[in-house]
Each structure stands twice: as C-alpha cells, then as structure tokens.
Amino acid sequence: NGTPADLLRRPAAPFVTEFIGEDRGVLALAYTALAELAEPAPQPPPRDAVILAGTLSVLEAGQALSTHQPASGAGIWVEDDTGQPTGYLSFQHLAVALGDLTSSDGVTPAGEGGHDLPA
C-alpha cells in the first residue's frame, strides 16, 4: 500500500478499513486516476472523440465529461503526460470501476486481477 488510492482500495488490515471509514470507496474516486483504469488504446481516436488527461481522477473525469458535447463512441480516450492518446476506457468498464470503487470491497486496477470486460 504505497499511494493514497492503494490504501483506499486495499486497506492492509481491518483496523485501517475502520480508521478510514465507510466512505473510503467514495474517497477512492478522488485518488484513482483514469490512467490506472484505461486499457491500451486499440487505435487512434476518431475526430470527435472525448480525450481526457490520464492524470485526472475518476471524480475529476466525471466533472469534465459533464462539460463535453455528446460524442460518438462507447468510451473515452486517455492521454499521457505528452498529450498523446495512449489509453481507452469504455463506459462499461468505467461503470464497473465506479461500482467497485464505491463498494466496500474496493477495486483492483486493470491488469491486476480486475474485471475482464468484453470490448
């Protein structure tokens, strides 16, 4: 457990879970970055794609999405620190992650035993 997001998603002991409180799942929304949830980009994004910084938290991404015009597609593209779209997060995967983050069990990031969602 090195980062705040790790601590919130996977407390090391029941005492830590109790100390953080029942709202740790909601707090995890503010500490889990889009880049942690995104899969590698399958192709270049379409012209009307929604592209968000991978450093945005899930909470910040929700706020940013509320200001975008509706776009075609089934998800959002995630850019790296250089502004290049390198990841993709389907709305289905985001919904599962939101459910996991706000549940009492927490979430495991993609690639670490998380959900294997169909494309």
PDB file of N, CA and C in Angstrom:
ATOM      1  N   ASN A   1       0.848  -1.191   0.000  1.00  0.00           N
ATOM      2  CA  ASN A   1       0.000   0.000   0.000  1.00  0.00           C
ATOM      3  C   ASN A   1       0.882   1.239   0.000  1.00  0.00           C
ATOM      4  N   GLY A   2       1.151   1.768  -1.203  1.00  0.00           N
ATOM      5  CA  GLY A   2       2.043   2.899  -1.291  1.00  0.00           C
ATOM      6  C   GLY A   2       1.368   4.230  -1.518  1.00  0.00           C
ATOM      7  N   THR A   3       0.329   4.276  -2.330  1.00  0.00           N
ATOM      8  CA  THR A   3      -0.320   5.543  -2.661  1.00  0.00           C
ATOM      9  C   THR A   3      -1.634   5.667  -1.890  1.00  0.00           C
ATOM     10  N   PRO A   4      -2.176   6.889  -1.808  1.00  0.00           N
ATOM     11  CA  PRO A   4      -3.488   7.031  -1.164  1.00  0.00           C
ATOM     12  C   PRO A   4      -4.560   6.157  -1.832  1.00  0.00           C
ATOM     13  N   ALA A   5      -4.519   6.063  -3.171  1.00  0.00           N
ATOM     14  CA  ALA A   5      -5.501   5.231  -3.873  1.00  0.00           C
ATOM     15  C   ALA A   5      -5.362   3.775  -3.466  1.00  0.00           C
ATOM     16  N   ASP A   6      -4.125   3.281  -3.355  1.00  0.00           N
ATOM     17  CA  ASP A   6      -3.896   1.899  -2.926  1.00  0.00           C
ATOM     18  C   ASP A   6      -4.469   1.664  -1.533  1.00  0.00           C
ATOM     19  N   LEU A   7      -4.203   2.584  -0.639  1.00  0.00           N
ATOM     20  CA  LEU A   7      -4.691   2.465   0.737  1.00  0.00           C
ATOM     21  C   LEU A   7      -6.216   2.434   0.782  1.00  0.00           C
ATOM     22  N   LEU A   8      -6.850   3.267  -0.027  1.00  0.00           N
ATOM     23  CA  LEU A   8      -8.307   3.312  -0.039  1.00  0.00           C
ATOM     24  C   LEU A   8      -8.914   2.072  -0.684  1.00  0.00           C
ATOM     25  N   ARG A   9      -8.278   1.586  -1.747  1.00  0.00           N
ATOM     26  CA  ARG A   9      -8.822   0.415  -2.448  1.00  0.00           C
ATOM     27  C   ARG A   9      -8.535  -0.889  -1.711  1.00  0.00           C
ATOM     28  N   ARG A  10      -7.376  -0.984  -1.101  1.00  0.00           N
ATOM     29  CA  ARG A  10      -6.964  -2.230  -0.466  1.00  0.00           C
ATOM     30  C   ARG A  10      -6.298  -1.945   0.882  1.00  0.00           C
ATOM     31  N   PRO A  11      -7.088  -1.619   1.895  1.00  0.00           N
ATOM     32  CA  PRO A  11      -6.502  -1.388   3.214  1.00  0.00           C
ATOM     33  C   PRO A  11      -5.743  -2.629   3.680  1.00  0.00           C
ATOM     34  N   ALA A  12      -4.633  -2.420   4.341  1.00  0.00           N
ATOM     35  CA  ALA A  12      -3.754  -3.516   4.744  1.00  0.00           C
ATOM     36  C   ALA A  12      -4.339  -4.365   5.870  1.00  0.00           C
ATOM     37  N   ALA A  13      -5.247  -3.814   6.643  1.00  0.00           N
ATOM     38  CA  ALA A  13      -5.793  -4.546   7.788  1.00  0.00           C
ATOM     39  C   ALA A  13      -7.182  -4.011   8.122  1.00  0.00           C
ATOM     40  N   PRO A  14      -7.977  -4.808   8.826  1.00  0.00           N
ATOM     41  CA  PRO A  14      -9.307  -4.341   9.226  1.00  0.00           C
ATOM     42  C   PRO A  14      -9.259  -3.026  10.012  1.00  0.00           C
ATOM     43  N   PHE A  15      -8.212  -2.843  10.824  1.00  0.00           N
ATOM     44  CA  PHE A  15      -8.084  -1.594  11.572  1.00  0.00           C
ATOM     45  C   PHE A  15      -8.007  -0.401  10.620  1.00  0.00           C
ATOM     46  N   VAL A  16      -7.250  -0.531   9.553  1.00  0.00           N
ATOM     47  CA  VAL A  16      -7.104   0.556   8.584  1.00  0.00           C
ATOM     48  C   VAL A  16      -8.455   0.844   7.937  1.00  0.00           C
ATOM     49  N   THR A  17      -9.187  -0.197   7.573  1.00  0.00           N
ATOM     50  CA  THR A  17     -10.516  -0.026   6.989  1.00  0.00           C
ATOM     51  C   THR A  17     -11.425   0.739   7.941  1.00  0.00           C
ATOM     52  N   GLU A  18     -11.413   0.350   9.198  1.00  0.00           N
ATOM     53  CA  GLU A  18     -12.252   1.017  10.199  1.00  0.00           C
ATOM     54  C   GLU A  18     -11.802   2.461  10.418  1.00  0.00           C
ATOM     55  N   PHE A  19     -10.499   2.690  10.448  1.00  0.00           N
ATOM     56  CA  PHE A  19      -9.954   4.026  10.674  1.00  0.00           C
ATOM     57  C   PHE A  19     -10.337   4.980   9.527  1.00  0.00           C
ATOM     58  N   ILE A  20     -10.234   4.505   8.292  1.00  0.00           N
ATOM     59  CA  ILE A  20     -10.572   5.344   7.133  1.00  0.00           C
ATOM     60  C   ILE A  20     -12.060   5.636   7.111  1.00  0.00           C
ATOM     61  N   GLY A  21     -12.867   4.652   7.425  1.00  0.00           N
ATOM     62  CA  GLY A  21     -14.304   4.847   7.474  1.00  0.00           C
ATOM     63  C   GLY A  21     -15.027   4.211   6.309  1.00  0.00           C
ATOM     64  N   GLU A  22     -16.329   4.177   6.431  1.00  0.00           N
ATOM     65  CA  GLU A  22     -17.168   3.526   5.438  1.00  0.00           C
ATOM     66  C   GLU A  22     -17.180   4.237   4.091  1.00  0.00           C
ATOM     67  N   ASP A  23     -16.816   5.499   4.059  1.00  0.00           N
ATOM     68  CA  ASP A  23     -16.854   6.243   2.794  1.00  0.00           C
ATOM     69  C   ASP A  23     -15.548   6.141   2.012  1.00  0.00           C
ATOM     70  N   ARG A  24     -14.704   5.158   2.326  1.00  0.00           N
ATOM     71  CA  ARG A  24     -13.418   5.046   1.639  1.00  0.00           C
ATOM     72  C   ARG A  24     -13.598   4.816   0.150  1.00  0.00           C
ATOM     73  N   GLY A  25     -14.672   4.144  -0.248  1.00  0.00           N
ATOM     74  CA  GLY A  25     -14.931   3.929  -1.673  1.00  0.00           C
ATOM     75  C   GLY A  25     -15.172   5.238  -2.399  1.00  0.00           C
ATOM     76  N   VAL A  26     -15.923   6.114  -1.773  1.00  0.00           N
ATOM     77  CA  VAL A  26     -16.186   7.418  -2.381  1.00  0.00           C
ATOM     78  C   VAL A  26     -14.893   8.244  -2.425  1.00  0.00           C
ATOM     79  N   LEU A  27     -14.103   8.163  -1.368  1.00  0.00           N
ATOM     80  CA  LEU A  27     -12.816   8.867  -1.366  1.00  0.00           C
ATOM     81  C   LEU A  27     -11.900   8.353  -2.468  1.00  0.00           C
ATOM     82  N   ALA A  28     -12.005   7.064  -2.777  1.00  0.00           N
ATOM     83  CA  ALA A  28     -11.163   6.480  -3.820  1.00  0.00           C
ATOM     84  C   ALA A  28     -11.423   7.123  -5.180  1.00  0.00           C
ATOM     85  N   LEU A  29     -12.619   7.641  -5.399  1.00  0.00           N
ATOM     86  CA  LEU A  29     -12.926   8.333  -6.661  1.00  0.00           C
ATOM     87  C   LEU A  29     -11.994   9.515  -6.881  1.00  0.00           C
ATOM     88  N   ALA A  30     -11.587  10.158  -5.804  1.00  0.00           N
ATOM     89  CA  ALA A  30     -10.721  11.334  -5.908  1.00  0.00           C
ATOM     90  C   ALA A  30      -9.246  10.963  -6.043  1.00  0.00           C
ATOM     91  N   TYR A  31      -8.897   9.706  -5.799  1.00  0.00           N
ATOM     92  CA  TYR A  31      -7.488   9.304  -5.828  1.00  0.00           C
ATOM     93  C   TYR A  31      -7.148   8.256  -6.883  1.00  0.00           C
ATOM     94  N   THR A  32      -8.127   7.817  -7.657  1.00  0.00           N
ATOM     95  CA  THR A  32      -7.874   6.844  -8.717  1.00  0.00           C
ATOM     96  C   THR A  32      -7.832   7.576 -10.047  1.00  0.00           C
ATOM     97  N   ALA A  33      -6.691   7.510 -10.713  1.00  0.00           N
ATOM     98  CA  ALA A  33      -6.505   8.206 -11.990  1.00  0.00           C
ATOM     99  C   ALA A  33      -7.063   7.380 -13.139  1.00  0.00           C
ATOM    100  N   LEU A  34      -7.520   8.082 -14.173  1.00  0.00           N
ATOM    101  CA  LEU A  34      -8.018   7.412 -15.365  1.00  0.00           C
ATOM    102  C   LEU A  34      -6.986   6.457 -15.957  1.00  0.00           C
ATOM    103  N   ALA A  35      -5.729   6.856 -15.924  1.00  0.00           N
ATOM    104  CA  ALA A  35      -4.663   6.024 -16.490  1.00  0.00           C
ATOM    105  C   ALA A  35      -4.580   4.664 -15.797  1.00  0.00           C
ATOM    106  N   GLU A  36      -4.981   4.587 -14.533  1.00  0.00           N
ATOM    107  CA  GLU A  36      -4.963   3.310 -13.820  1.00  0.00           C
ATOM    108  C   GLU A  36      -6.034   2.358 -14.325  1.00  0.00           C
ATOM    109  N   LEU A  37      -7.106   2.900 -14.866  1.00  0.00           N
ATOM    110  CA  LEU A  37      -8.243   2.090 -15.301  1.00  0.00           C
ATOM    111  C   LEU A  37      -8.248   1.814 -16.804  1.00  0.00           C
ATOM    112  N   ALA A  38      -7.558   2.657 -17.567  1.00  0.00           N
ATOM    113  CA  ALA A  38      -7.616   2.559 -19.026  1.00  0.00           C
ATOM    114  C   ALA A  38      -6.849   1.356 -19.554  1.00  0.00           C
ATOM    115  N   GLU A  39      -7.349   0.820 -20.636  1.00  0.00           N
ATOM    116  CA  GLU A  39      -6.676  -0.237 -21.391  1.00  0.00           C
ATOM    117  C   GLU A  39      -5.833   0.450 -22.460  1.00  0.00           C
ATOM    118  N   PRO A  40      -4.856  -0.240 -23.033  1.00  0.00           N
ATOM    119  CA  PRO A  40      -4.097   0.365 -24.137  1.00  0.00           C
ATOM    120  C   PRO A  40      -5.037   0.768 -25.281  1.00  0.00           C
ATOM    121  N   ALA A  41      -4.750   1.885 -25.905  1.00  0.00           N
ATOM    122  CA  ALA A  41      -5.595   2.383 -26.991  1.00  0.00           C
ATOM    123  C   ALA A  41      -5.576   1.383 -28.148  1.00  0.00           C
ATOM    124  N   PRO A  42      -6.757   0.971 -28.617  1.00  0.00           N
ATOM    125  CA  PRO A  42      -6.807  -0.019 -29.688  1.00  0.00           C
ATOM    126  C   PRO A  42      -6.469   0.550 -31.061  1.00  0.00           C
ATOM    127  N   GLN A  43      -6.596   1.852 -31.211  1.00  0.00           N
ATOM    128  CA  GLN A  43      -6.378   2.533 -32.493  1.00  0.00           C
ATOM    129  C   GLN A  43      -6.361   4.025 -32.224  1.00  0.00           C
ATOM    130  N   PRO A  44      -5.997   4.829 -33.196  1.00  0.00           N
ATOM    131  CA  PRO A  44      -6.084   6.286 -32.983  1.00  0.00           C
ATOM    132  C   PRO A  44      -7.537   6.700 -32.738  1.00  0.00           C
ATOM    133  N   PRO A  45      -7.747   7.712 -31.927  1.00  0.00           N
ATOM    134  CA  PRO A  45      -9.125   8.129 -31.633  1.00  0.00           C
ATOM    135  C   PRO A  45      -9.784   8.782 -32.841  1.00  0.00           C
ATOM    136  N   PRO A  46     -11.109   8.639 -32.956  1.00  0.00           N
ATOM    137  CA  PRO A  46     -11.817   9.344 -34.021  1.00  0.00           C
ATOM    138  C   PRO A  46     -11.777  10.853 -33.779  1.00  0.00           C
ATOM    139  N   ARG A  47     -12.095  11.609 -34.794  1.00  0.00           N
ATOM    140  CA  ARG A  47     -12.013  13.069 -34.725  1.00  0.00           C
ATOM    141  C   ARG A  47     -12.881  13.662 -33.628  1.00  0.00           C
ATOM    142  N   ASP A  48     -14.046  13.063 -33.367  1.00  0.00           N
ATOM    143  CA  ASP A  48     -14.968  13.616 -32.367  1.00  0.00           C
ATOM    144  C   ASP A  48     -14.844  12.933 -31.001  1.00  0.00           C
ATOM    145  N   ALA A  49     -13.745  12.233 -30.774  1.00  0.00           N
ATOM    146  CA  ALA A  49     -13.557  11.501 -29.518  1.00  0.00           C
ATOM    147  C   ALA A  49     -13.386  12.445 -28.333  1.00  0.00           C
ATOM    148  N   VAL A  50     -13.842  11.997 -27.199  1.00  0.00           N
ATOM    149  CA  VAL A  50     -13.579  12.698 -25.946  1.00  0.00           C
ATOM    150  C   VAL A  50     -12.237  12.183 -25.439  1.00  0.00           C
ATOM    151  N   ILE A  51     -11.290  13.108 -25.250  1.00  0.00           N
ATOM    152  CA  ILE A  51      -9.953  12.751 -24.791  1.00  0.00           C
ATOM    153  C   ILE A  51      -9.690  13.500 -23.487  1.00  0.00           C
ATOM    154  N   LEU A  52      -9.354  12.749 -22.453  1.00  0.00           N
ATOM    155  CA  LEU A  52      -9.088  13.341 -21.149  1.00  0.00           C
ATOM    156  C   LEU A  52      -7.695  12.944 -20.682  1.00  0.00           C
ATOM    157  N   ALA A  53      -7.117  13.782 -19.851  1.00  0.00           N
ATOM    158  CA  ALA A  53      -5.788  13.505 -19.297  1.00  0.00           C
ATOM    159  C   ALA A  53      -5.842  12.292 -18.379  1.00  0.00           C
ATOM    160  N   GLY A  54      -4.861  11.416 -18.516  1.00  0.00           N
ATOM    161  CA  GLY A  54      -4.790  10.234 -17.673  1.00  0.00           C
ATOM    162  C   GLY A  54      -4.561  10.555 -16.214  1.00  0.00           C
ATOM    163  N   THR A  55      -4.102  11.759 -15.942  1.00  0.00           N
ATOM    164  CA  THR A  55      -3.852  12.167 -14.556  1.00  0.00           C
ATOM    165  C   THR A  55      -5.121  12.610 -13.825  1.00  0.00           C
ATOM    166  N   LEU A  56      -6.215  12.785 -14.559  1.00  0.00           N
ATOM    167  CA  LEU A  56      -7.470  13.162 -13.904  1.00  0.00           C
ATOM    168  C   LEU A  56      -7.953  12.021 -13.033  1.00  0.00           C
ATOM    169  N   SER A  57      -8.483  12.366 -11.890  1.00  0.00           N
ATOM    170  CA  SER A  57      -9.103  11.344 -11.045  1.00  0.00           C
ATOM    171  C   SER A  57     -10.448  10.964 -11.663  1.00  0.00           C
ATOM    172  N   VAL A  58     -11.004   9.862 -11.211  1.00  0.00           N
ATOM    173  CA  VAL A  58     -12.325   9.454 -11.694  1.00  0.00           C
ATOM    174  C   VAL A  58     -13.339  10.549 -11.395  1.00  0.00           C
ATOM    175  N   LEU A  59     -13.232  11.154 -10.226  1.00  0.00           N
ATOM    176  CA  LEU A  59     -14.133  12.239  -9.855  1.00  0.00           C
ATOM    177  C   LEU A  59     -13.976  13.437 -10.793  1.00  0.00           C
ATOM    178  N   GLU A  60     -12.736  13.838 -11.060  1.00  0.00           N
ATOM    179  CA  GLU A  60     -12.483  14.961 -11.975  1.00  0.00           C
ATOM    180  C   GLU A  60     -12.941  14.629 -13.392  1.00  0.00           C
ATOM    181  N   ALA A  61     -12.771  13.385 -13.804  1.00  0.00           N
ATOM    182  CA  ALA A  61     -13.206  12.976 -15.142  1.00  0.00           C
ATOM    183  C   ALA A  61     -14.720  13.089 -15.277  1.00  0.00           C
ATOM    184  N   GLY A  62     -15.440  12.714 -14.237  1.00  0.00           N
ATOM    185  CA  GLY A  62     -16.894  12.861 -14.262  1.00  0.00           C
ATOM    186  C   GLY A  62     -17.307  14.305 -14.424  1.00  0.00           C
ATOM    187  N   GLN A  63     -16.611  15.183 -13.723  1.00  0.00           N
ATOM    188  CA  GLN A  63     -16.903  16.612 -13.849  1.00  0.00           C
ATOM    189  C   GLN A  63     -16.560  17.106 -15.254  1.00  0.00           C
ATOM    190  N   ALA A  64     -15.429  16.665 -15.798  1.00  0.00           N
ATOM    191  CA  ALA A  64     -15.021  17.085 -17.140  1.00  0.00           C
ATOM    192  C   ALA A  64     -15.992  16.555 -18.195  1.00  0.00           C
ATOM    193  N   LEU A  65     -16.455  15.328 -18.040  1.00  0.00           N
ATOM    194  CA  LEU A  65     -17.388  14.751 -19.006  1.00  0.00           C
ATOM    195  C   LEU A  65     -18.708  15.516 -19.041  1.00  0.00           C
ATOM    196  N   SER A  66     -19.084  16.094 -17.919  1.00  0.00           N
ATOM    197  CA  SER A  66     -20.353  16.832 -17.878  1.00  0.00           C
ATOM    198  C   SER A  66     -20.297  18.110 -18.712  1.00  0.00           C
ATOM    199  N   THR A  67     -19.094  18.557 -19.073  1.00  0.00           N
ATOM    200  CA  THR A  67     -18.965  19.778 -19.866  1.00  0.00           C
ATOM    201  C   THR A  67     -18.749  19.502 -21.353  1.00  0.00           C
ATOM    202  N   HIS A  68     -18.554  18.236 -21.735  1.00  0.00           N
ATOM    203  CA  HIS A  68     -18.316  17.886 -23.142  1.00  0.00           C
ATOM    204  C   HIS A  68     -19.629  17.708 -23.889  1.00  0.00           C
ATOM    205  N   GLN A  69     -19.598  18.034 -25.167  1.00  0.00           N
ATOM    206  CA  GLN A  69     -20.722  17.730 -26.037  1.00  0.00           C
ATOM    207  C   GLN A  69     -20.784  16.220 -26.203  1.00  0.00           C
ATOM    208  N   PRO A  70     -21.958  15.667 -26.415  1.00  0.00           N
ATOM    209  CA  PRO A  70     -22.036  14.228 -26.648  1.00  0.00           C
ATOM    210  C   PRO A  70     -21.154  13.838 -27.838  1.00  0.00           C
ATOM    211  N   ALA A  71     -20.441  12.762 -27.694  1.00  0.00           N
ATOM    212  CA  ALA A  71     -19.559  12.279 -28.755  1.00  0.00           C
ATOM    213  C   ALA A  71     -19.969  10.868 -29.137  1.00  0.00           C
ATOM    214  N   SER A  72     -19.632  10.497 -30.344  1.00  0.00           N
ATOM    215  CA  SER A  72     -19.910   9.135 -30.747  1.00  0.00           C
ATOM    216  C   SER A  72     -18.915   8.209 -30.067  1.00  0.00           C
ATOM    217  N   GLY A  73     -19.249   6.971 -29.981  1.00  0.00           N
ATOM    218  CA  GLY A  73     -18.344   6.014 -29.370  1.00  0.00           C
ATOM    219  C   GLY A  73     -18.881   5.496 -28.059  1.00  0.00           C
ATOM    220  N   ALA A  74     -18.154   4.537 -27.531  1.00  0.00           N
ATOM    221  CA  ALA A  74     -18.596   3.849 -26.330  1.00  0.00           C
ATOM    222  C   ALA A  74     -17.645   4.063 -25.155  1.00  0.00           C
ATOM    223  N   GLY A  75     -16.864   5.164 -25.215  1.00  0.00           N
ATOM    224  CA  GLY A  75     -15.949   5.403 -24.121  1.00  0.00           C
ATOM    225  C   GLY A  75     -15.143   6.673 -24.315  1.00  0.00           C
ATOM    226  N   ILE A  76     -14.106   6.791 -23.509  1.00  0.00           N
ATOM    227  CA  ILE A  76     -13.243   7.971 -23.568  1.00  0.00           C
ATOM    228  C   ILE A  76     -11.807   7.542 -23.814  1.00  0.00           C
ATOM    229  N   TRP A  77     -11.062   8.403 -24.441  1.00  0.00           N
ATOM    230  CA  TRP A  77      -9.646   8.191 -24.705  1.00  0.00           C
ATOM    231  C   TRP A  77      -8.865   8.878 -23.604  1.00  0.00           C
ATOM    232  N   VAL A  78      -7.778   8.272 -23.217  1.00  0.00           N
ATOM    233  CA  VAL A  78      -6.969   8.776 -22.113  1.00  0.00           C
ATOM    234  C   VAL A  78      -5.584   9.120 -22.660  1.00  0.00           C
ATOM    235  N   GLU A  79      -5.163  10.364 -22.398  1.00  0.00           N
ATOM    236  CA  GLU A  79      -3.858  10.785 -22.915  1.00  0.00           C
ATOM    237  C   GLU A  79      -2.793  10.719 -21.838  1.00  0.00           C
ATOM    238  N   ASP A  80      -1.551  10.570 -22.312  1.00  0.00           N
ATOM    239  CA  ASP A  80      -0.414  10.512 -21.394  1.00  0.00           C
ATOM    240  C   ASP A  80       0.077  11.921 -21.088  1.00  0.00           C
ATOM    241  N   ASP A  81       1.202  12.009 -20.400  1.00  0.00           N
ATOM    242  CA  ASP A  81       1.748  13.309 -19.985  1.00  0.00           C
ATOM    243  C   ASP A  81       2.163  14.187 -21.160  1.00  0.00           C
ATOM    244  N   THR A  82       2.382  13.582 -22.321  1.00  0.00           N
ATOM    245  CA  THR A  82       2.778  14.360 -23.507  1.00  0.00           C
ATOM    246  C   THR A  82       1.582  14.784 -24.345  1.00  0.00           C
ATOM    247  N   GLY A  83       0.372  14.396 -23.931  1.00  0.00           N
ATOM    248  CA  GLY A  83      -0.827  14.763 -24.661  1.00  0.00           C
ATOM    249  C   GLY A  83      -1.209  13.775 -25.750  1.00  0.00           C
ATOM    250  N   GLN A  84      -0.536  12.626 -25.799  1.00  0.00           N
ATOM    251  CA  GLN A  84      -0.836  11.608 -26.798  1.00  0.00           C
ATOM    252  C   GLN A  84      -1.875  10.630 -26.251  1.00  0.00           C
ATOM    253  N   PRO A  85      -2.934  10.360 -27.024  1.00  0.00           N
ATOM    254  CA  PRO A  85      -3.917   9.372 -26.578  1.00  0.00           C
ATOM    255  C   PRO A  85      -3.290   7.975 -26.571  1.00  0.00           C
ATOM    256  N   THR A  86      -3.114   7.413 -25.406  1.00  0.00           N
ATOM    257  CA  THR A  86      -2.472   6.107 -25.285  1.00  0.00           C
ATOM    258  C   THR A  86      -3.373   5.065 -24.636  1.00  0.00           C
ATOM    259  N   GLY A  87      -4.504   5.483 -24.114  1.00  0.00           N
ATOM    260  CA  GLY A  87      -5.399   4.554 -23.438  1.00  0.00           C
ATOM    261  C   GLY A  87      -6.838   4.778 -23.814  1.00  0.00           C
ATOM    262  N   TYR A  88      -7.645   3.791 -23.529  1.00  0.00           N
ATOM    263  CA  TYR A  88      -9.075   3.861 -23.818  1.00  0.00           C
ATOM    264  C   TYR A  88      -9.821   3.267 -22.634  1.00  0.00           C
ATOM    265  N   LEU A  89     -10.903   3.923 -22.241  1.00  0.00           N
ATOM    266  CA  LEU A  89     -11.733   3.466 -21.139  1.00  0.00           C
ATOM    267  C   LEU A  89     -13.176   3.441 -21.616  1.00  0.00           C
ATOM    268  N   SER A  90     -13.702   2.232 -21.807  1.00  0.00           N
ATOM    269  CA  SER A  90     -15.091   2.126 -22.254  1.00  0.00           C
ATOM    270  C   SER A  90     -16.010   2.583 -21.124  1.00  0.00           C
ATOM    271  N   PHE A  91     -17.186   3.050 -21.498  1.00  0.00           N
ATOM    272  CA  PHE A  91     -18.143   3.467 -20.474  1.00  0.00           C
ATOM    273  C   PHE A  91     -18.561   2.268 -19.624  1.00  0.00           C
ATOM    274  N   GLN A  92     -18.599   1.073 -20.224  1.00  0.00           N
ATOM    275  CA  GLN A  92     -18.938  -0.135 -19.482  1.00  0.00           C
ATOM    276  C   GLN A  92     -17.872  -0.398 -18.413  1.00  0.00           C
ATOM    277  N   HIS A  93     -16.603  -0.317 -18.795  1.00  0.00           N
ATOM    278  CA  HIS A  93     -15.513  -0.539 -17.833  1.00  0.00           C
ATOM    279  C   HIS A  93     -15.531   0.547 -16.752  1.00  0.00           C
ATOM    280  N   LEU A  94     -15.810   1.778 -17.144  1.00  0.00           N
ATOM    281  CA  LEU A  94     -15.898   2.865 -16.169  1.00  0.00           C
ATOM    282  C   LEU A  94     -17.023   2.615 -15.180  1.00  0.00           C
ATOM    283  N   ALA A  95     -18.176   2.143 -15.665  1.00  0.00           N
ATOM    284  CA  ALA A  95     -19.305   1.868 -14.775  1.00  0.00           C
ATOM    285  C   ALA A  95     -18.958   0.770 -13.776  1.00  0.00           C
ATOM    286  N   VAL A  96     -18.281  -0.285 -14.242  1.00  0.00           N
ATOM    287  CA  VAL A  96     -17.867  -1.357 -13.329  1.00  0.00           C
ATOM    288  C   VAL A  96     -16.882  -0.813 -12.298  1.00  0.00           C
ATOM    289  N   ALA A  97     -15.922  -0.001 -12.758  1.00  0.00           N
ATOM    290  CA  ALA A  97     -14.939   0.577 -11.838  1.00  0.00           C
ATOM    291  C   ALA A  97     -15.617   1.474 -10.809  1.00  0.00           C
ATOM    292  N   LEU A  98     -16.590   2.258 -11.241  1.00  0.00           N
ATOM    293  CA  LEU A  98     -17.319   3.113 -10.294  1.00  0.00           C
ATOM    294  C   LEU A  98     -18.023   2.265  -9.246  1.00  0.00           C
ATOM    295  N   GLY A  99     -18.637   1.184  -9.686  1.00  0.00           N
ATOM    296  CA  GLY A  99     -19.296   0.293  -8.736  1.00  0.00           C
ATOM    297  C   GLY A  99     -18.303  -0.316  -7.769  1.00  0.00           C
ATOM    298  N   ASP A 100     -17.154  -0.735  -8.295  1.00  0.00           N
ATOM    299  CA  ASP A 100     -16.125  -1.322  -7.445  1.00  0.00           C
ATOM    300  C   ASP A 100     -15.546  -0.294  -6.476  1.00  0.00           C
ATOM    301  N   LEU A 101     -15.290   0.910  -6.971  1.00  0.00           N
ATOM    302  CA  LEU A 101     -14.698   1.946  -6.126  1.00  0.00           C
ATOM    303  C   LEU A 101     -15.613   2.332  -4.975  1.00  0.00           C
ATOM    304  N   THR A 102     -16.899   2.327  -5.216  1.00  0.00           N
ATOM    305  CA  THR A 102     -17.824   2.770  -4.178  1.00  0.00           C
ATOM    306  C   THR A 102     -18.363   1.624  -3.342  1.00  0.00           C
ATOM    307  N   SER A 103     -17.968   0.383  -3.673  1.00  0.00           N
ATOM    308  CA  SER A 103     -18.382  -0.755  -2.848  1.00  0.00           C
ATOM    309  C   SER A 103     -17.444  -0.880  -1.655  1.00  0.00           C
ATOM    310  N   SER A 104     -17.822  -1.679  -0.727  1.00  0.00           N
ATOM    311  CA  SER A 104     -16.968  -1.867   0.449  1.00  0.00           C
ATOM    312  C   SER A 104     -15.745  -2.703   0.132  1.00  0.00           C
ATOM    313  N   ASP A 105     -15.746  -3.400  -1.008  1.00  0.00           N
ATOM    314  CA  ASP A 105     -14.609  -4.254  -1.356  1.00  0.00           C
ATOM    315  C   ASP A 105     -13.509  -3.516  -2.081  1.00  0.00           C
ATOM    316  N   GLY A 106     -13.743  -2.316  -2.606  1.00  0.00           N
ATOM    317  CA  GLY A 106     -12.729  -1.580  -3.349  1.00  0.00           C
ATOM    318  C   GLY A 106     -12.588  -2.114  -4.755  1.00  0.00           C
ATOM    319  N   VAL A 107     -11.524  -1.683  -5.470  1.00  0.00           N
ATOM    320  CA  VAL A 107     -11.310  -2.063  -6.860  1.00  0.00           C
ATOM    321  C   VAL A 107      -9.860  -2.458  -7.062  1.00  0.00           C
ATOM    322  N   THR A 108      -9.654  -3.315  -8.004  1.00  0.00           N
ATOM    323  CA  THR A 108      -8.303  -3.678  -8.412  1.00  0.00           C
ATOM    324  C   THR A 108      -8.088  -3.098  -9.797  1.00  0.00           C
ATOM    325  N   PRO A 109      -7.036  -2.321 -10.025  1.00  0.00           N
ATOM    326  CA  PRO A 109      -6.817  -1.726 -11.334  1.00  0.00           C
ATOM    327  C   PRO A 109      -6.668  -2.777 -12.422  1.00  0.00           C
ATOM    328  N   ALA A 110      -6.951  -2.369 -13.661  1.00  0.00           N
ATOM    329  CA  ALA A 110      -6.807  -3.260 -14.803  1.00  0.00           C
ATOM    330  C   ALA A 110      -5.411  -3.840 -14.820  1.00  0.00           C
ATOM    331  N   GLY A 111      -5.322  -5.107 -15.174  1.00  0.00           N
ATOM    332  CA  GLY A 111      -4.023  -5.748 -15.231  1.00  0.00           C
ATOM    333  C   GLY A 111      -3.591  -6.350 -13.904  1.00  0.00           C
ATOM    334  N   GLU A 112      -4.363  -6.147 -12.850  1.00  0.00           N
ATOM    335  CA  GLU A 112      -4.011  -6.707 -11.548  1.00  0.00           C
ATOM    336  C   GLU A 112      -5.171  -7.543 -11.010  1.00  0.00           C
ATOM    337  N   GLY A 113      -5.795  -8.306 -11.894  1.00  0.00           N
ATOM    338  CA  GLY A 113      -6.890  -9.163 -11.455  1.00  0.00           C
ATOM    339  C   GLY A 113      -8.232  -8.463 -11.462  1.00  0.00           C
ATOM    340  N   GLY A 114      -8.339  -7.341 -12.137  1.00  0.00           N
ATOM    341  CA  GLY A 114      -9.614  -6.638 -12.226  1.00  0.00           C
ATOM    342  C   GLY A 114     -10.550  -7.338 -13.191  1.00  0.00           C
ATOM    343  N   HIS A 115     -11.662  -6.729 -13.460  1.00  0.00           N
ATOM    344  CA  HIS A 115     -12.647  -7.306 -14.367  1.00  0.00           C
ATOM    345  C   HIS A 115     -12.096  -7.387 -15.784  1.00  0.00           C
ATOM    346  N   ASP A 116     -12.397  -8.499 -16.451  1.00  0.00           N
ATOM    347  CA  ASP A 116     -12.078  -8.650 -17.866  1.00  0.00           C
ATOM    348  C   ASP A 116     -13.370  -8.400 -18.618  1.00  0.00           C
ATOM    349  N   LEU A 117     -13.582  -7.191 -19.071  1.00  0.00           N
ATOM    350  CA  LEU A 117     -14.812  -6.829 -19.746  1.00  0.00           C
ATOM    351  C   LEU A 117     -14.704  -7.063 -21.232  1.00  0.00           C
ATOM    352  N   PRO A 118     -15.807  -7.454 -21.868  1.00  0.00           N
ATOM    353  CA  PRO A 118     -15.769  -7.576 -23.327  1.00  0.00           C
ATOM    354  C   PRO A 118     -15.636  -6.196 -23.950  1.00  0.00           C
ATOM    355  N   ALA A 119     -14.995  -6.152 -25.100  1.00  0.00           N
ATOM    356  CA  ALA A 119     -14.781  -4.875 -25.798  1.00  0.00           C
ATOM    357  C   ALA A 119     -16.092  -4.347 -26.328  1.00  0.00           C
TER     358      ALA A 119
END
